[in-house]
């Protein structure tokens, strides 16, 4: 079957404003959108920020697509400061089918990212490869690759967090430490989960590298944690101690989403290229003081 492909040429790409989404496709089962950077995919407890799922619901209600009790359902997420293509289910039945069969329905998710080069040139990655390192999460729920033997500080707060619940946003929930720590031989240890990231280097510059990445697993902060652990923090990423912010945003973009429609069987491909200046910036090999914008404070990604 010929691919049913939706591609956006650069002159027709969506509004990259931070308060808007672009509806790329909809039918009775699913919707595909472009999410801008700086917007949460879905709410988290205590959040009052506008989210992609809320904005999609409002958009479809204005169009008359949704009835009073109709709403979109999440099937995957993008980090707040990541832009790109996302899919939502439009019924609970569709949500269940997509999530239960994610590995067979979704055939490809491609990302592009600009990362700072390692301090030591000898630590440079090969042109392509697989990063297969487990990820843990710290007290701020930020993912990282723990070094061998690393463990959280043994403090009264840590020990208490492992045993008790705390009040969060007006209700009882497990604390971040309680979710992300365990006890082994009487000592607190980081819980880890498997994570696999395939990468290909598109362009190497004097100061930065442009990557294309795909995921076998969809862990929170996966790309950011994996590349940072190899000495390649993403440009604009304060959470991973990036020193530069050339685009006044996190340089991570979900470029391609390819899947088999869960009900019609059609092969769908949605692609929005990353900003053109990413490749140009890397290829120019300019020094930081010549081209970088002032560094902006990045918000902690929830």
Protein backbone atom coordinates (compact mmCIF):
# COMPACT_ATOMS: atom_id res chain seq x y z
CA UNK A 1 0.00 0.00 0.00
CA UNK A 2 1.30 3.44 -0.91
CA UNK A 3 2.03 5.63 2.07
CA UNK A 4 -0.58 8.20 2.95
CA UNK A 5 1.89 10.94 3.83
CA UNK A 6 1.34 14.39 5.26
CA UNK A 7 4.42 16.57 4.96
CA UNK A 8 4.80 20.26 5.65
CA UNK A 9 7.11 22.20 3.37
CA UNK A 10 9.07 24.90 5.11
CA UNK A 11 7.01 27.66 3.53
CA UNK A 12 3.81 25.98 4.79
CA UNK A 13 4.92 24.93 8.25
CA UNK A 14 2.70 25.84 11.21
CA UNK A 15 2.81 28.88 13.44
CA UNK A 16 5.70 28.32 15.86
CA UNK A 17 4.15 30.57 18.53
CA UNK A 18 4.28 29.14 22.03
CA UNK A 19 0.55 29.45 22.75
CA UNK A 20 -0.76 27.67 19.67
CA UNK A 21 -1.05 24.14 18.38
CA UNK A 22 -1.66 23.22 14.76
CA UNK A 23 -4.17 20.47 13.95
CA UNK A 24 -2.55 18.37 11.23
CA UNK A 25 -5.13 15.58 10.93
CA UNK A 26 -8.36 14.38 12.53
CA UNK A 27 -10.95 11.67 12.04
CA UNK A 28 -13.40 10.01 14.41
CA UNK A 29 -10.64 8.08 16.19
CA UNK A 30 -7.45 10.16 16.34
CA UNK A 31 -6.03 13.66 16.02
CA UNK A 32 -2.45 14.56 15.09
CA UNK A 33 -1.08 17.96 16.09
CA UNK A 34 2.04 20.08 16.07
CA UNK A 35 2.95 21.05 19.67
CA UNK A 36 5.16 24.13 20.13
CA UNK A 37 8.04 24.24 22.56
CA UNK A 38 7.19 25.70 25.96
CA UNK A 39 3.78 23.98 26.19
CA UNK A 40 3.00 20.98 28.40
CA UNK A 41 1.53 17.96 26.64
CA UNK A 42 -0.87 17.22 29.50
CA UNK A 43 -1.51 18.76 32.94
CA UNK A 44 0.30 17.65 36.07
CA UNK A 45 -0.93 18.10 39.67
CA UNK A 46 -0.91 21.75 40.64
CA UNK A 47 -0.22 23.01 37.11
CA UNK A 48 -2.22 25.96 35.79
CA UNK A 49 -0.37 26.28 32.49
CA UNK A 50 -2.05 25.80 29.16
CA UNK A 51 -1.50 22.31 27.75
CA UNK A 52 -1.66 20.72 24.32
CA UNK A 53 -4.52 18.40 25.27
CA UNK A 54 -6.59 21.28 26.69
CA UNK A 55 -5.92 23.43 23.63
CA UNK A 56 -6.90 20.59 21.30
CA UNK A 57 -10.15 20.08 23.19
CA UNK A 58 -10.99 23.80 22.97
CA UNK A 59 -10.13 23.87 19.27
CA UNK A 60 -12.35 20.90 18.46
CA UNK A 61 -15.24 22.21 20.53
CA UNK A 62 -15.11 25.46 18.56
CA UNK A 63 -15.20 23.44 15.35
CA UNK A 64 -18.21 21.48 16.61
CA UNK A 65 -16.29 18.19 16.50
CA UNK A 66 -16.84 17.40 20.18
CA UNK A 67 -20.08 16.95 22.08
CA UNK A 68 -20.41 18.07 25.70
CA UNK A 69 -18.77 14.98 27.21
CA UNK A 70 -16.33 14.32 24.37
CA UNK A 71 -12.61 14.92 24.94
CA UNK A 72 -9.19 13.84 23.65
CA UNK A 73 -7.17 11.12 25.39
CA UNK A 74 -3.40 10.98 25.79
CA UNK A 75 -1.43 8.13 24.19
CA UNK A 76 2.11 9.57 24.49
CA UNK A 77 3.84 12.76 25.63
CA UNK A 78 6.50 15.24 24.65
CA UNK A 79 8.51 17.16 27.25
CA UNK A 80 7.29 20.73 27.75
CA UNK A 81 10.24 22.32 25.96
CA UNK A 82 10.22 19.84 23.07
CA UNK A 83 8.35 20.81 19.91
CA UNK A 84 6.94 18.49 17.28
CA UNK A 85 4.33 16.03 16.09
CA UNK A 86 1.98 14.36 18.59
CA UNK A 87 -1.01 12.05 18.35
CA UNK A 88 -4.09 11.96 20.61
CA UNK A 89 -6.94 9.45 20.72
CA UNK A 90 -10.47 10.84 20.43
CA UNK A 91 -12.26 7.96 22.16
CA UNK A 92 -11.41 5.71 25.10
CA UNK A 93 -11.61 2.72 22.77
CA UNK A 94 -9.02 4.27 20.47
CA UNK A 95 -6.79 5.18 23.41
CA UNK A 96 -6.81 1.60 24.71
CA UNK A 97 -6.14 0.09 21.30
CA UNK A 98 -3.23 2.44 20.57
CA UNK A 99 -1.61 2.08 23.99
CA UNK A 100 -2.06 -1.70 24.10
CA UNK A 101 -0.49 -2.05 20.64
CA UNK A 102 1.92 0.90 20.62
CA UNK A 103 4.97 -1.07 19.44
CA UNK A 104 3.14 -2.45 16.40
CA UNK A 105 1.01 0.61 15.55
CA UNK A 106 3.76 3.23 15.78
CA UNK A 107 6.49 2.25 13.34
CA UNK A 108 8.79 5.27 13.61
CA UNK A 109 9.34 8.39 15.73
CA UNK A 110 12.25 10.54 14.63
CA UNK A 111 13.70 13.46 16.55
CA UNK A 112 16.29 16.10 15.67
CA UNK A 113 18.47 17.74 18.31
CA UNK A 114 21.40 20.14 18.48
CA UNK A 115 23.86 19.28 21.24
CA UNK A 116 27.05 20.84 22.55
CA UNK A 117 30.17 18.91 21.68
CA UNK A 118 32.07 17.02 24.41
CA UNK A 119 34.87 18.93 26.10
CA UNK A 120 37.33 16.20 25.15
CA UNK A 121 37.30 15.49 21.37
CA UNK A 122 38.32 11.91 22.15
CA UNK A 123 34.87 11.39 23.71
CA UNK A 124 33.08 12.10 20.41
CA UNK A 125 30.47 9.53 19.43
CA UNK A 126 30.71 7.50 16.23
CA UNK A 127 28.55 8.52 13.27
CA UNK A 128 25.69 6.26 14.38
CA UNK A 129 24.92 3.83 17.15
CA UNK A 130 22.73 2.73 20.04
CA UNK A 131 22.73 4.13 23.58
CA UNK A 132 21.43 1.35 25.81
CA UNK A 133 21.73 2.77 29.34
CA UNK A 134 19.22 2.61 32.17
CA UNK A 135 17.74 5.88 33.43
CA UNK A 136 16.96 6.99 36.99
CA UNK A 137 15.19 10.13 38.25
CA UNK A 138 16.35 12.60 40.88
CA UNK A 139 14.42 14.52 43.53
CA UNK A 140 13.16 16.95 40.87
CA UNK A 141 12.03 14.05 38.64
CA UNK A 142 14.69 14.82 36.05
CA UNK A 143 16.08 11.77 34.27
CA UNK A 144 19.77 10.87 34.31
CA UNK A 145 22.05 7.91 33.68
CA UNK A 146 23.49 6.94 37.08
CA UNK A 147 27.17 6.20 37.28
CA UNK A 148 28.19 2.78 38.49
CA UNK A 149 27.76 2.57 42.25
CA UNK A 150 26.04 5.96 42.51
CA UNK A 151 23.34 6.25 45.13
CA UNK A 152 21.36 9.07 46.74
CA UNK A 153 22.63 10.73 49.89
CA UNK A 154 21.51 8.91 53.03
CA UNK A 155 19.73 11.73 54.85
CA UNK A 156 16.79 11.82 57.28
CA UNK A 157 14.64 13.25 54.48
CA UNK A 158 15.59 10.44 52.12
CA UNK A 159 14.85 7.75 54.70
CA UNK A 160 11.53 9.37 55.62
CA UNK A 161 10.53 9.74 51.97
CA UNK A 162 11.05 6.03 51.44
CA UNK A 163 8.61 5.20 54.23
CA UNK A 164 5.92 7.86 54.19
CA UNK A 165 3.68 9.90 51.93
CA UNK A 166 3.71 13.65 51.83
CA UNK A 167 1.05 16.20 50.92
CA UNK A 168 1.44 17.48 47.36
CA UNK A 169 -0.88 20.03 45.75
CA UNK A 170 -3.55 19.46 48.39
CA UNK A 171 -3.74 15.68 48.17
CA UNK A 172 -1.78 12.68 49.37
CA UNK A 173 0.66 11.36 46.81
CA UNK A 174 3.95 9.55 46.88
CA UNK A 175 6.87 11.94 46.96
CA UNK A 176 9.34 12.08 44.11
CA UNK A 177 11.87 10.25 46.25
CA UNK A 178 9.34 7.60 47.21
CA UNK A 179 8.59 6.95 43.55
CA UNK A 180 12.20 7.01 42.39
CA UNK A 181 14.08 5.31 45.23
CA UNK A 182 14.22 1.84 46.63
CA UNK A 183 16.12 0.18 49.49
CA UNK A 184 18.83 -2.42 48.99
CA UNK A 185 20.84 -3.85 51.87
CA UNK A 186 19.39 -1.16 54.11
CA UNK A 187 20.62 1.66 51.86
CA UNK A 188 18.61 3.92 49.52
CA UNK A 189 19.18 3.18 45.85
CA UNK A 190 17.97 4.80 42.65
CA UNK A 191 15.29 2.89 40.80
CA UNK A 192 16.32 2.48 37.17
CA UNK A 193 14.38 1.66 34.02
CA UNK A 194 15.62 0.41 30.67
CA UNK A 195 16.03 2.96 27.87
CA UNK A 196 17.28 2.52 24.30
CA UNK A 197 18.05 5.41 21.93
CA UNK A 198 19.30 5.04 18.36
CA UNK A 199 21.23 8.01 17.02
CA UNK A 200 22.71 9.21 13.74
CA UNK A 201 24.88 12.30 13.38
CA UNK A 202 23.60 14.58 10.62
CA UNK A 203 26.29 17.27 10.90
CA UNK A 204 29.32 17.95 13.07
CA UNK A 205 30.47 21.49 13.81
CA UNK A 206 33.28 23.00 15.83
CA UNK A 207 31.02 23.65 18.83
CA UNK A 208 27.80 21.67 18.24
CA UNK A 209 26.45 18.51 16.61
CA UNK A 210 23.09 17.91 14.87
CA UNK A 211 21.60 14.50 15.74
CA UNK A 212 18.74 12.42 14.39
CA UNK A 213 17.34 10.06 17.02
CA UNK A 214 14.75 7.32 17.35
CA UNK A 215 13.49 5.56 20.46
CA UNK A 216 12.90 1.90 21.28
CA UNK A 217 11.50 3.07 24.64
CA UNK A 218 9.66 6.27 25.48
CA UNK A 219 11.07 7.32 28.85
CA UNK A 220 10.72 10.82 30.25
CA UNK A 221 13.79 12.92 29.37
CA UNK A 222 15.27 9.92 27.54
CA UNK A 223 17.08 11.71 24.71
CA UNK A 224 18.27 14.50 26.97
CA UNK A 225 19.59 12.12 29.64
CA UNK A 226 21.25 9.76 27.17
CA UNK A 227 23.07 12.41 25.13
CA UNK A 228 24.09 14.33 28.24
CA UNK A 229 25.60 11.17 29.72
CA UNK A 230 27.80 10.90 26.61
CA UNK A 231 29.02 14.48 26.96
CA UNK A 232 26.46 16.02 24.58
CA UNK A 233 24.00 18.17 26.58
CA UNK A 234 21.32 19.65 24.34
CA UNK A 235 21.68 23.33 23.53
CA UNK A 236 19.48 25.46 25.77
CA UNK A 237 19.03 22.75 28.42
CA UNK A 238 19.79 24.12 31.89
CA UNK A 239 18.63 20.89 33.51
CA UNK A 240 21.62 19.14 31.96
CA UNK A 241 24.10 22.01 32.44
CA UNK A 242 24.24 23.21 28.85
CA UNK A 243 26.43 26.28 28.56
CA UNK A 244 24.87 27.67 25.37
CA UNK A 245 21.40 28.60 24.16
CA UNK A 246 21.74 29.59 20.50
CA UNK A 247 18.02 29.32 19.65
CA UNK A 248 16.50 30.70 22.88
CA UNK A 249 14.82 27.32 23.44
CA UNK A 250 15.61 23.65 24.02
CA UNK A 251 17.03 22.30 20.75
CA UNK A 252 14.91 19.14 20.59
CA UNK A 253 12.18 18.57 17.99
CA UNK A 254 9.92 15.55 17.29
CA UNK A 255 10.19 15.61 13.51
CA UNK A 256 8.42 12.48 12.25
CA UNK A 257 5.56 10.29 13.47
CA UNK A 258 4.80 7.23 11.34
CA UNK A 259 2.08 4.74 12.23
CA UNK A 260 -0.57 2.34 11.01
CA UNK A 261 -4.03 3.74 11.65
CA UNK A 262 -5.48 1.61 14.47
CA UNK A 263 -8.88 1.20 12.79
CA UNK A 264 -8.50 1.80 9.03
CA UNK A 265 -5.08 0.20 8.59
CA UNK A 266 -3.84 3.16 6.53
CA UNK A 267 -0.14 3.94 6.69
CA UNK A 268 0.27 7.51 7.96
CA UNK A 269 3.40 9.64 8.02
CA UNK A 270 3.43 13.13 9.52
CA UNK A 271 6.60 15.16 9.27
CA UNK A 272 7.50 18.73 10.24
CA UNK A 273 11.19 19.62 9.80
CA UNK A 274 13.14 21.26 12.57
CA UNK A 275 13.95 24.97 12.11
CA UNK A 276 16.33 25.53 9.18
CA UNK A 277 18.74 27.53 11.30
CA UNK A 278 19.69 24.45 13.34
CA UNK A 279 21.65 22.87 10.49
CA UNK A 280 23.00 26.22 9.32
CA UNK A 281 24.23 27.01 12.82
CA UNK A 282 26.09 23.72 13.19
CA UNK A 283 27.63 23.89 9.71
CA UNK A 284 28.84 27.46 10.18
CA UNK A 285 31.28 26.32 12.88
CA UNK A 286 31.06 29.71 14.55
CA UNK A 287 32.43 30.38 17.99
CA UNK A 288 29.91 30.99 20.79
CA UNK A 289 30.48 34.72 21.18
CA UNK A 290 29.87 35.34 17.47
CA UNK A 291 26.39 33.90 17.09
CA UNK A 292 24.81 32.83 20.38
CA UNK A 293 21.77 34.60 21.76
CA UNK A 294 21.76 35.57 25.46
CA UNK A 295 21.08 32.53 27.56
CA UNK A 296 17.56 32.35 28.95
CA UNK A 297 16.58 30.52 32.11
CA UNK A 298 14.87 27.23 31.24
CA UNK A 299 11.98 26.02 33.32
CA UNK A 300 12.25 22.66 35.04
CA UNK A 301 10.49 20.07 32.90
CA UNK A 302 7.81 18.19 34.76
